[in-house]
Amino acid sequence: MGQTHGVIILFSQLKSNIIVWQIIWTDRLADQEDILRDTGAKEIIELRSKKLELSDWVAAKVHKWAITIATIEGAATGAGGIITLPVDIPFLITFSLKTIHKIGLCYGYDCDTNEERDFVFGILSLSGANTEEERVNSLSIQVAVAKQLATEALMKNLQRQIGRESACFRGRSLLLDI
């Protein structure tokens, strides 16, 4: 019994290390330059205020790219059989995280906060849910995280707008003083 518990703890620690490794490599592999080039934006955050059709178009390109890579990877690991299984699963998780992250970039979200990363993991969790209960739980977490992200984005936009209006007001005041 104690040996089994030790194996479970070891597996849990290994799983945590793999997730951390996947987060690091997902962030590094996400190719912002392609998205910036395709959209003409200078920064990813600009895409939040551009036309939705532009983000949809770039996200469709990312989707086609992901399907191509997944098809090649699936064929390669399928041909390798059980021997390639230890490589297939970590690759699949990492590639899924990268694709979700890259599609987030298409819409102006860089996944640089813990809440945004939680949202990405939630999407992956939702896609892998097998039962209705798992889907409901995952979706309820996604809704809560999405509300929090929306509130934070609204506050940032309000602060930016207030800062601009304040600067304009100060500028007008200076001109009137002259």
N, C-alpha and C. Protein backbone atom coordinates (compact mmCIF):
# COMPACT_ATOMS: atom_id res chain seq x y z
N MET A 1 0.83 -1.20 0.00
CA MET A 1 0.00 0.00 0.00
C MET A 1 0.87 1.26 0.00
N GLY A 2 1.92 1.31 0.85
CA GLY A 2 2.80 2.47 0.92
C GLY A 2 3.57 2.68 -0.36
N GLN A 3 3.96 1.57 -1.00
CA GLN A 3 4.69 1.66 -2.26
C GLN A 3 3.80 2.26 -3.35
N THR A 4 2.54 1.86 -3.38
CA THR A 4 1.60 2.39 -4.36
C THR A 4 1.41 3.88 -4.15
N HIS A 5 1.28 4.30 -2.88
CA HIS A 5 1.12 5.72 -2.57
C HIS A 5 2.34 6.51 -3.04
N GLY A 6 3.53 5.95 -2.83
CA GLY A 6 4.76 6.61 -3.28
C GLY A 6 4.80 6.76 -4.80
N VAL A 7 4.35 5.74 -5.50
CA VAL A 7 4.31 5.81 -6.97
C VAL A 7 3.34 6.88 -7.42
N ILE A 8 2.19 6.99 -6.75
CA ILE A 8 1.20 8.02 -7.10
C ILE A 8 1.78 9.41 -6.88
N ILE A 9 2.47 9.61 -5.76
CA ILE A 9 3.09 10.92 -5.49
C ILE A 9 4.16 11.21 -6.54
N LEU A 10 4.99 10.24 -6.86
CA LEU A 10 6.03 10.43 -7.87
C LEU A 10 5.41 10.78 -9.22
N PHE A 11 4.33 10.06 -9.60
CA PHE A 11 3.66 10.34 -10.86
C PHE A 11 3.08 11.74 -10.86
N SER A 12 2.50 12.16 -9.72
CA SER A 12 1.92 13.50 -9.61
C SER A 12 2.99 14.57 -9.78
N GLN A 13 4.16 14.38 -9.16
CA GLN A 13 5.26 15.33 -9.29
C GLN A 13 5.77 15.36 -10.73
N LEU A 14 5.88 14.20 -11.35
CA LEU A 14 6.32 14.12 -12.73
C LEU A 14 5.34 14.85 -13.64
N LYS A 15 4.05 14.64 -13.40
CA LYS A 15 3.02 15.31 -14.19
C LYS A 15 3.13 16.83 -14.03
N SER A 16 3.36 17.31 -12.80
CA SER A 16 3.51 18.74 -12.57
C SER A 16 4.71 19.29 -13.32
N ASN A 17 5.83 18.56 -13.29
CA ASN A 17 7.03 18.99 -14.01
C ASN A 17 6.79 19.03 -15.51
N ILE A 18 6.07 18.05 -16.03
CA ILE A 18 5.77 18.03 -17.46
C ILE A 18 4.91 19.23 -17.83
N ILE A 19 3.93 19.56 -17.00
CA ILE A 19 3.06 20.70 -17.29
C ILE A 19 3.86 21.99 -17.29
N VAL A 20 4.75 22.17 -16.32
CA VAL A 20 5.59 23.37 -16.29
C VAL A 20 6.45 23.44 -17.54
N TRP A 21 7.06 22.32 -17.91
CA TRP A 21 7.88 22.27 -19.12
C TRP A 21 7.05 22.63 -20.35
N GLN A 22 5.82 22.12 -20.41
CA GLN A 22 4.97 22.40 -21.55
C GLN A 22 4.57 23.87 -21.61
N ILE A 23 4.32 24.49 -20.46
CA ILE A 23 3.99 25.91 -20.44
C ILE A 23 5.15 26.71 -21.00
N ILE A 24 6.37 26.41 -20.53
CA ILE A 24 7.55 27.14 -20.99
C ILE A 24 7.72 27.00 -22.49
N TRP A 25 7.66 25.79 -22.99
CA TRP A 25 7.88 25.59 -24.42
C TRP A 25 6.72 26.09 -25.27
N THR A 26 5.50 26.03 -24.75
CA THR A 26 4.37 26.57 -25.48
C THR A 26 4.56 28.07 -25.66
N ASP A 27 4.96 28.76 -24.59
CA ASP A 27 5.20 30.20 -24.70
C ASP A 27 6.31 30.50 -25.71
N ARG A 28 7.36 29.71 -25.69
CA ARG A 28 8.48 29.96 -26.58
C ARG A 28 8.15 29.62 -28.03
N LEU A 29 7.32 28.61 -28.23
CA LEU A 29 7.02 28.17 -29.58
C LEU A 29 5.96 29.02 -30.28
N ALA A 30 5.16 29.74 -29.51
CA ALA A 30 4.11 30.55 -30.11
C ALA A 30 4.76 31.63 -30.97
N ASP A 31 4.42 31.65 -32.22
CA ASP A 31 5.10 32.51 -33.16
C ASP A 31 4.32 33.80 -33.38
N GLN A 32 4.62 34.79 -32.55
CA GLN A 32 3.93 36.07 -32.64
C GLN A 32 4.26 36.80 -33.93
N GLU A 33 5.47 36.63 -34.44
CA GLU A 33 5.87 37.36 -35.63
C GLU A 33 4.98 37.05 -36.83
N ASP A 34 4.60 35.78 -37.00
CA ASP A 34 3.70 35.41 -38.10
C ASP A 34 2.37 36.16 -37.98
N ILE A 35 1.83 36.19 -36.79
CA ILE A 35 0.54 36.82 -36.58
C ILE A 35 0.65 38.33 -36.78
N LEU A 36 1.69 38.92 -36.24
CA LEU A 36 1.89 40.37 -36.43
C LEU A 36 2.06 40.71 -37.91
N ARG A 37 2.83 39.89 -38.61
CA ARG A 37 3.04 40.11 -40.05
C ARG A 37 1.73 39.98 -40.82
N ASP A 38 0.98 38.94 -40.54
CA ASP A 38 -0.26 38.69 -41.28
C ASP A 38 -1.34 39.73 -41.00
N THR A 39 -1.31 40.33 -39.82
CA THR A 39 -2.36 41.29 -39.46
C THR A 39 -1.92 42.74 -39.65
N GLY A 40 -0.62 42.97 -39.75
CA GLY A 40 -0.13 44.35 -39.86
C GLY A 40 -0.09 45.06 -38.52
N ALA A 41 -0.30 44.35 -37.45
CA ALA A 41 -0.26 44.96 -36.11
C ALA A 41 1.18 45.07 -35.64
N LYS A 42 1.43 46.04 -34.77
CA LYS A 42 2.77 46.20 -34.20
C LYS A 42 2.90 45.42 -32.90
N GLU A 43 1.79 45.27 -32.18
CA GLU A 43 1.75 44.52 -30.93
C GLU A 43 0.51 43.64 -30.93
N ILE A 44 0.62 42.52 -30.26
CA ILE A 44 -0.49 41.56 -30.20
C ILE A 44 -1.74 42.19 -29.61
N ILE A 45 -1.60 43.01 -28.59
CA ILE A 45 -2.76 43.60 -27.92
C ILE A 45 -3.60 44.45 -28.86
N GLU A 46 -3.00 44.99 -29.93
CA GLU A 46 -3.73 45.79 -30.91
C GLU A 46 -4.86 45.01 -31.57
N LEU A 47 -4.70 43.69 -31.66
CA LEU A 47 -5.69 42.87 -32.34
C LEU A 47 -7.04 42.86 -31.61
N ARG A 48 -7.04 43.22 -30.35
CA ARG A 48 -8.30 43.27 -29.59
C ARG A 48 -9.22 44.36 -30.13
N SER A 49 -8.63 45.40 -30.73
CA SER A 49 -9.45 46.51 -31.22
C SER A 49 -9.57 46.54 -32.75
N LYS A 50 -8.97 45.57 -33.42
CA LYS A 50 -9.11 45.49 -34.89
C LYS A 50 -10.38 44.74 -35.23
N LYS A 51 -10.71 44.71 -36.51
CA LYS A 51 -11.91 44.01 -36.96
C LYS A 51 -11.81 42.52 -36.65
N LEU A 52 -12.91 41.97 -36.19
CA LEU A 52 -12.97 40.56 -35.82
C LEU A 52 -12.68 39.65 -37.02
N GLU A 53 -13.07 40.08 -38.20
CA GLU A 53 -12.85 39.29 -39.41
C GLU A 53 -11.36 39.03 -39.64
N LEU A 54 -10.52 40.02 -39.32
CA LEU A 54 -9.07 39.87 -39.47
C LEU A 54 -8.55 38.77 -38.54
N SER A 55 -8.98 38.81 -37.28
CA SER A 55 -8.56 37.78 -36.32
C SER A 55 -9.08 36.42 -36.73
N ASP A 56 -10.32 36.37 -37.20
CA ASP A 56 -10.90 35.10 -37.67
C ASP A 56 -10.09 34.53 -38.83
N TRP A 57 -9.67 35.39 -39.76
CA TRP A 57 -8.90 34.95 -40.92
C TRP A 57 -7.55 34.36 -40.50
N VAL A 58 -6.87 35.06 -39.59
CA VAL A 58 -5.56 34.58 -39.12
C VAL A 58 -5.73 33.30 -38.30
N ALA A 59 -6.78 33.23 -37.48
CA ALA A 59 -7.04 32.03 -36.69
C ALA A 59 -7.33 30.84 -37.61
N ALA A 60 -8.01 31.07 -38.73
CA ALA A 60 -8.27 29.99 -39.70
C ALA A 60 -6.96 29.48 -40.30
N LYS A 61 -6.02 30.39 -40.54
CA LYS A 61 -4.70 29.97 -41.04
C LYS A 61 -3.98 29.11 -40.00
N VAL A 62 -4.05 29.51 -38.74
CA VAL A 62 -3.43 28.73 -37.66
C VAL A 62 -4.10 27.37 -37.57
N HIS A 63 -5.41 27.33 -37.70
CA HIS A 63 -6.15 26.07 -37.65
C HIS A 63 -5.69 25.13 -38.77
N LYS A 64 -5.57 25.64 -39.97
CA LYS A 64 -5.12 24.81 -41.10
C LYS A 64 -3.71 24.28 -40.86
N TRP A 65 -2.84 25.14 -40.34
CA TRP A 65 -1.47 24.75 -40.02
C TRP A 65 -1.48 23.63 -38.97
N ALA A 66 -2.31 23.79 -37.93
CA ALA A 66 -2.37 22.79 -36.85
C ALA A 66 -2.89 21.45 -37.37
N ILE A 67 -3.87 21.48 -38.24
CA ILE A 67 -4.41 20.24 -38.80
C ILE A 67 -3.32 19.51 -39.60
N THR A 68 -2.54 20.26 -40.37
CA THR A 68 -1.47 19.66 -41.17
C THR A 68 -0.43 19.00 -40.27
N ILE A 69 0.03 19.73 -39.25
CA ILE A 69 1.04 19.19 -38.34
C ILE A 69 0.49 17.97 -37.59
N ALA A 70 -0.76 18.05 -37.12
CA ALA A 70 -1.35 16.94 -36.37
C ALA A 70 -1.50 15.70 -37.26
N THR A 71 -1.82 15.91 -38.53
CA THR A 71 -1.95 14.78 -39.45
C THR A 71 -0.60 14.09 -39.65
N ILE A 72 0.43 14.88 -39.85
CA ILE A 72 1.78 14.32 -40.04
C ILE A 72 2.24 13.60 -38.77
N GLU A 73 2.03 14.23 -37.62
CA GLU A 73 2.44 13.63 -36.35
C GLU A 73 1.66 12.35 -36.09
N GLY A 74 0.37 12.37 -36.36
CA GLY A 74 -0.45 11.18 -36.15
C GLY A 74 -0.02 10.02 -37.03
N ALA A 75 0.31 10.33 -38.28
CA ALA A 75 0.77 9.28 -39.19
C ALA A 75 2.10 8.71 -38.71
N ALA A 76 3.00 9.59 -38.30
CA ALA A 76 4.34 9.14 -37.87
C ALA A 76 4.25 8.29 -36.60
N THR A 77 3.51 8.75 -35.61
CA THR A 77 3.43 7.97 -34.38
C THR A 77 2.55 6.74 -34.56
N GLY A 78 1.58 6.82 -35.44
CA GLY A 78 0.76 5.64 -35.72
C GLY A 78 1.57 4.54 -36.37
N ALA A 79 2.47 4.94 -37.24
CA ALA A 79 3.34 3.95 -37.91
C ALA A 79 4.30 3.32 -36.90
N GLY A 80 4.67 4.08 -35.88
CA GLY A 80 5.60 3.56 -34.88
C GLY A 80 4.93 2.67 -33.84
N GLY A 81 3.62 2.71 -33.79
CA GLY A 81 2.89 1.86 -32.85
C GLY A 81 3.15 2.22 -31.41
N ILE A 82 3.15 1.22 -30.57
CA ILE A 82 3.28 1.42 -29.12
C ILE A 82 4.66 1.98 -28.75
N ILE A 83 5.64 1.79 -29.61
CA ILE A 83 6.99 2.28 -29.34
C ILE A 83 7.00 3.82 -29.29
N THR A 84 6.21 4.46 -30.11
CA THR A 84 6.21 5.93 -30.17
C THR A 84 5.20 6.56 -29.22
N LEU A 85 4.42 5.76 -28.49
CA LEU A 85 3.41 6.28 -27.58
C LEU A 85 3.99 7.23 -26.52
N PRO A 86 5.15 6.94 -25.91
CA PRO A 86 5.69 7.87 -24.91
C PRO A 86 6.04 9.25 -25.49
N VAL A 87 6.29 9.31 -26.78
CA VAL A 87 6.57 10.59 -27.43
C VAL A 87 5.28 11.26 -27.86
N ASP A 88 4.32 10.46 -28.28
CA ASP A 88 3.07 10.97 -28.85
C ASP A 88 2.27 11.80 -27.85
N ILE A 89 2.09 11.30 -26.65
CA ILE A 89 1.23 11.97 -25.68
C ILE A 89 1.78 13.33 -25.25
N PRO A 90 3.06 13.43 -24.83
CA PRO A 90 3.57 14.76 -24.49
C PRO A 90 3.55 15.72 -25.68
N PHE A 91 3.85 15.20 -26.88
CA PHE A 91 3.80 16.06 -28.06
C PHE A 91 2.38 16.57 -28.28
N LEU A 92 1.41 15.68 -28.18
CA LEU A 92 0.02 16.05 -28.42
C LEU A 92 -0.44 17.13 -27.44
N ILE A 93 -0.09 16.99 -26.17
CA ILE A 93 -0.48 17.99 -25.17
C ILE A 93 0.22 19.31 -25.45
N THR A 94 1.52 19.27 -25.69
CA THR A 94 2.26 20.49 -25.96
C THR A 94 1.76 21.17 -27.22
N PHE A 95 1.53 20.40 -28.26
CA PHE A 95 1.06 20.96 -29.52
C PHE A 95 -0.34 21.56 -29.36
N SER A 96 -1.19 20.90 -28.59
CA SER A 96 -2.54 21.43 -28.34
C SER A 96 -2.46 22.77 -27.61
N LEU A 97 -1.61 22.84 -26.57
CA LEU A 97 -1.43 24.09 -25.84
C LEU A 97 -0.89 25.19 -26.75
N LYS A 98 0.07 24.83 -27.59
CA LYS A 98 0.64 25.81 -28.52
C LYS A 98 -0.43 26.34 -29.47
N THR A 99 -1.26 25.45 -29.99
CA THR A 99 -2.30 25.86 -30.94
C THR A 99 -3.33 26.76 -30.27
N ILE A 100 -3.76 26.39 -29.07
CA ILE A 100 -4.71 27.23 -28.34
C ILE A 100 -4.09 28.60 -28.07
N HIS A 101 -2.85 28.60 -27.65
CA HIS A 101 -2.14 29.85 -27.36
C HIS A 101 -2.02 30.71 -28.62
N LYS A 102 -1.67 30.08 -29.73
CA LYS A 102 -1.48 30.82 -30.97
C LYS A 102 -2.81 31.39 -31.48
N ILE A 103 -3.89 30.66 -31.30
CA ILE A 103 -5.20 31.20 -31.69
C ILE A 103 -5.57 32.36 -30.76
N GLY A 104 -5.22 32.27 -29.48
CA GLY A 104 -5.43 33.39 -28.57
C GLY A 104 -4.67 34.63 -29.04
N LEU A 105 -3.45 34.42 -29.53
CA LEU A 105 -2.67 35.54 -30.07
C LEU A 105 -3.39 36.20 -31.23
N CYS A 106 -4.07 35.41 -32.05
CA CYS A 106 -4.80 35.94 -33.21
C CYS A 106 -5.86 36.95 -32.79
N TYR A 107 -6.36 36.81 -31.57
CA TYR A 107 -7.41 37.70 -31.08
C TYR A 107 -6.87 38.74 -30.08
N GLY A 108 -5.54 38.79 -29.93
CA GLY A 108 -4.94 39.82 -29.09
C GLY A 108 -4.64 39.41 -27.67
N TYR A 109 -4.67 38.11 -27.38
CA TYR A 109 -4.40 37.64 -26.03
C TYR A 109 -3.10 36.85 -26.01
N ASP A 110 -2.15 37.31 -25.21
CA ASP A 110 -0.80 36.75 -25.20
C ASP A 110 -0.61 35.64 -24.17
N CYS A 111 -1.58 35.38 -23.34
CA CYS A 111 -1.48 34.36 -22.29
C CYS A 111 -0.31 34.63 -21.36
N ASP A 112 -0.16 35.89 -20.98
CA ASP A 112 0.95 36.24 -20.11
C ASP A 112 0.53 36.38 -18.64
N THR A 113 -0.72 36.12 -18.35
CA THR A 113 -1.16 36.13 -16.94
C THR A 113 -1.59 34.72 -16.55
N ASN A 114 -1.62 34.48 -15.25
CA ASN A 114 -2.06 33.17 -14.76
C ASN A 114 -3.50 32.89 -15.15
N GLU A 115 -4.35 33.94 -15.15
CA GLU A 115 -5.75 33.74 -15.51
C GLU A 115 -5.87 33.31 -16.97
N GLU A 116 -5.09 33.93 -17.85
CA GLU A 116 -5.13 33.56 -19.26
C GLU A 116 -4.61 32.13 -19.46
N ARG A 117 -3.57 31.76 -18.72
CA ARG A 117 -3.07 30.38 -18.81
C ARG A 117 -4.11 29.39 -18.28
N ASP A 118 -4.79 29.77 -17.20
CA ASP A 118 -5.87 28.92 -16.68
C ASP A 118 -6.95 28.73 -17.74
N PHE A 119 -7.24 29.79 -18.47
CA PHE A 119 -8.24 29.71 -19.52
C PHE A 119 -7.80 28.72 -20.60
N VAL A 120 -6.52 28.78 -20.99
CA VAL A 120 -5.99 27.85 -22.00
C VAL A 120 -6.09 26.42 -21.50
N PHE A 121 -5.68 26.17 -20.25
CA PHE A 121 -5.79 24.82 -19.69
C PHE A 121 -7.25 24.38 -19.62
N GLY A 122 -8.14 25.32 -19.33
CA GLY A 122 -9.55 25.00 -19.29
C GLY A 122 -10.08 24.58 -20.64
N ILE A 123 -9.63 25.24 -21.69
CA ILE A 123 -10.04 24.85 -23.04
C ILE A 123 -9.56 23.44 -23.34
N LEU A 124 -8.32 23.15 -23.00
CA LEU A 124 -7.78 21.81 -23.21
C LEU A 124 -8.55 20.79 -22.37
N SER A 125 -8.86 21.14 -21.14
CA SER A 125 -9.63 20.26 -20.28
C SER A 125 -11.02 20.00 -20.84
N LEU A 126 -11.65 21.05 -21.33
CA LEU A 126 -12.98 20.92 -21.90
C LEU A 126 -12.96 20.03 -23.14
N SER A 127 -11.93 20.17 -23.96
CA SER A 127 -11.85 19.36 -25.17
C SER A 127 -11.63 17.89 -24.86
N GLY A 128 -11.06 17.59 -23.70
CA GLY A 128 -10.79 16.20 -23.34
C GLY A 128 -11.82 15.61 -22.39
N ALA A 129 -12.86 16.37 -22.07
CA ALA A 129 -13.88 15.87 -21.14
C ALA A 129 -14.66 14.73 -21.79
N ASN A 130 -14.80 13.63 -21.04
CA ASN A 130 -15.48 12.44 -21.58
C ASN A 130 -16.93 12.34 -21.17
N THR A 131 -17.25 12.81 -19.97
CA THR A 131 -18.62 12.68 -19.49
C THR A 131 -19.28 14.05 -19.45
N GLU A 132 -20.60 14.03 -19.34
CA GLU A 132 -21.32 15.30 -19.27
C GLU A 132 -20.94 16.06 -18.00
N GLU A 133 -20.73 15.34 -16.90
CA GLU A 133 -20.34 15.98 -15.65
C GLU A 133 -18.99 16.69 -15.80
N GLU A 134 -18.02 16.04 -16.45
CA GLU A 134 -16.72 16.66 -16.70
C GLU A 134 -16.86 17.90 -17.58
N ARG A 135 -17.71 17.81 -18.60
CA ARG A 135 -17.92 18.97 -19.48
C ARG A 135 -18.56 20.13 -18.74
N VAL A 136 -19.55 19.85 -17.91
CA VAL A 136 -20.23 20.89 -17.14
C VAL A 136 -19.25 21.54 -16.17
N ASN A 137 -18.47 20.74 -15.45
CA ASN A 137 -17.49 21.29 -14.51
C ASN A 137 -16.45 22.15 -15.24
N SER A 138 -15.93 21.64 -16.32
CA SER A 138 -14.92 22.37 -17.08
C SER A 138 -15.50 23.67 -17.64
N LEU A 139 -16.70 23.60 -18.16
CA LEU A 139 -17.33 24.77 -18.74
C LEU A 139 -17.63 25.83 -17.68
N SER A 140 -18.05 25.41 -16.49
CA SER A 140 -18.33 26.38 -15.43
C SER A 140 -17.05 27.09 -14.99
N ILE A 141 -15.94 26.38 -14.96
CA ILE A 141 -14.66 27.00 -14.64
C ILE A 141 -14.29 27.99 -15.74
N GLN A 142 -14.50 27.59 -17.00
CA GLN A 142 -14.18 28.46 -18.13
C GLN A 142 -14.99 29.75 -18.06
N VAL A 143 -16.27 29.65 -17.72
CA VAL A 143 -17.12 30.83 -17.64
C VAL A 143 -16.61 31.77 -16.56
N ALA A 144 -16.23 31.22 -15.40
CA ALA A 144 -15.72 32.05 -14.30
C ALA A 144 -14.42 32.75 -14.71
N VAL A 145 -13.52 32.01 -15.34
CA VAL A 145 -12.25 32.61 -15.76
C VAL A 145 -12.50 33.66 -16.85
N ALA A 146 -13.40 33.37 -17.78
CA ALA A 146 -13.70 34.32 -18.86
C ALA A 146 -14.28 35.61 -18.30
N LYS A 147 -15.16 35.51 -17.30
CA LYS A 147 -15.72 36.71 -16.67
C LYS A 147 -14.62 37.54 -16.02
N GLN A 148 -13.70 36.86 -15.33
CA GLN A 148 -12.61 37.56 -14.68
C GLN A 148 -11.72 38.25 -15.71
N LEU A 149 -11.40 37.55 -16.81
CA LEU A 149 -10.57 38.14 -17.86
C LEU A 149 -11.27 39.32 -18.52
N ALA A 150 -12.57 39.20 -18.76
CA ALA A 150 -13.33 40.29 -19.37
C ALA A 150 -13.35 41.51 -18.47
N THR A 151 -13.53 41.28 -17.17
CA THR A 151 -13.53 42.39 -16.21
C THR A 151 -12.17 43.09 -16.19
N GLU A 152 -11.09 42.29 -16.17
CA GLU A 152 -9.75 42.88 -16.17
C GLU A 152 -9.49 43.66 -17.46
N ALA A 153 -9.91 43.12 -18.60
CA ALA A 153 -9.71 43.81 -19.88
C ALA A 153 -10.50 45.12 -19.90
N LEU A 154 -11.72 45.09 -19.39
CA LEU A 154 -12.54 46.31 -19.34
C LEU A 154 -11.87 47.36 -18.47
N MET A 155 -11.36 46.94 -17.31
CA MET A 155 -10.70 47.89 -16.41
C MET A 155 -9.45 48.49 -17.05
N LYS A 156 -8.67 47.66 -17.75
CA LYS A 156 -7.47 48.17 -18.43
C LYS A 156 -7.84 49.17 -19.50
N ASN A 157 -8.89 48.85 -20.28
CA ASN A 157 -9.33 49.77 -21.34
C ASN A 157 -9.85 51.08 -20.75
N LEU A 158 -10.59 51.00 -19.65
CA LEU A 158 -11.08 52.20 -18.98
C LEU A 158 -9.92 53.06 -18.46
N GLN A 159 -8.93 52.40 -17.87
CA GLN A 159 -7.77 53.13 -17.37
C GLN A 159 -7.02 53.82 -18.51
N ARG A 160 -6.88 53.11 -19.63
CA ARG A 160 -6.22 53.69 -20.80
C ARG A 160 -7.00 54.90 -21.31
N GLN A 161 -8.33 54.76 -21.41
CA GLN A 161 -9.18 55.84 -21.90
C GLN A 161 -9.13 57.04 -20.96
N ILE A 162 -9.20 56.76 -19.65
CA ILE A 162 -9.13 57.85 -18.67
C ILE A 162 -7.78 58.55 -18.77
N GLY A 163 -6.71 57.78 -18.96
CA GLY A 163 -5.38 58.37 -19.11
C GLY A 163 -5.30 59.27 -20.33
N ARG A 164 -5.89 58.83 -21.45
CA ARG A 164 -5.89 59.65 -22.67
C ARG A 164 -6.68 60.94 -22.47
N GLU A 165 -7.88 60.80 -21.88
CA GLU A 165 -8.71 61.97 -21.65
C GLU A 165 -8.06 62.93 -20.67
N SER A 166 -7.39 62.38 -19.68
CA SER A 166 -6.69 63.22 -18.70
C SER A 166 -5.56 63.98 -19.38
N ALA A 167 -4.84 63.31 -20.26
CA ALA A 167 -3.74 63.96 -21.00
C ALA A 167 -4.29 65.06 -21.89
N CYS A 168 -5.40 64.80 -22.56
CA CYS A 168 -6.02 65.82 -23.42
C CYS A 168 -6.47 67.01 -22.59
N PHE A 169 -7.07 66.74 -21.43
CA PHE A 169 -7.53 67.80 -20.55
C PHE A 169 -6.36 68.65 -20.07
N ARG A 170 -5.26 67.99 -19.68
CA ARG A 170 -4.07 68.73 -19.24
C ARG A 170 -3.50 69.55 -20.36
N GLY A 171 -3.52 68.99 -21.58
CA GLY A 171 -3.01 69.73 -22.73
C GLY A 171 -3.85 70.96 -23.02
N ARG A 172 -5.18 70.81 -22.96
CA ARG A 172 -6.07 71.96 -23.16
C ARG A 172 -5.85 73.00 -22.10
N SER A 173 -5.68 72.56 -20.86
CA SER A 173 -5.45 73.49 -19.75
C SER A 173 -4.17 74.29 -19.97
N LEU A 174 -3.12 73.61 -20.43
CA LEU A 174 -1.87 74.30 -20.70
C LEU A 174 -2.02 75.33 -21.81
N LEU A 175 -2.76 74.96 -22.85
CA LEU A 175 -2.97 75.89 -23.97
C LEU A 175 -3.78 77.11 -23.52
N LEU A 176 -4.76 76.90 -22.67
CA LEU A 176 -5.58 78.02 -22.18
C LEU A 176 -4.77 78.92 -21.27
N ASP A 177 -3.80 78.37 -20.57
CA ASP A 177 -2.95 79.17 -19.67
C ASP A 177 -1.99 80.05 -20.44
N ILE A 178 -1.73 79.68 -21.70
CA ILE A 178 -0.74 80.45 -22.47
C ILE A 178 -1.30 81.73 -22.96
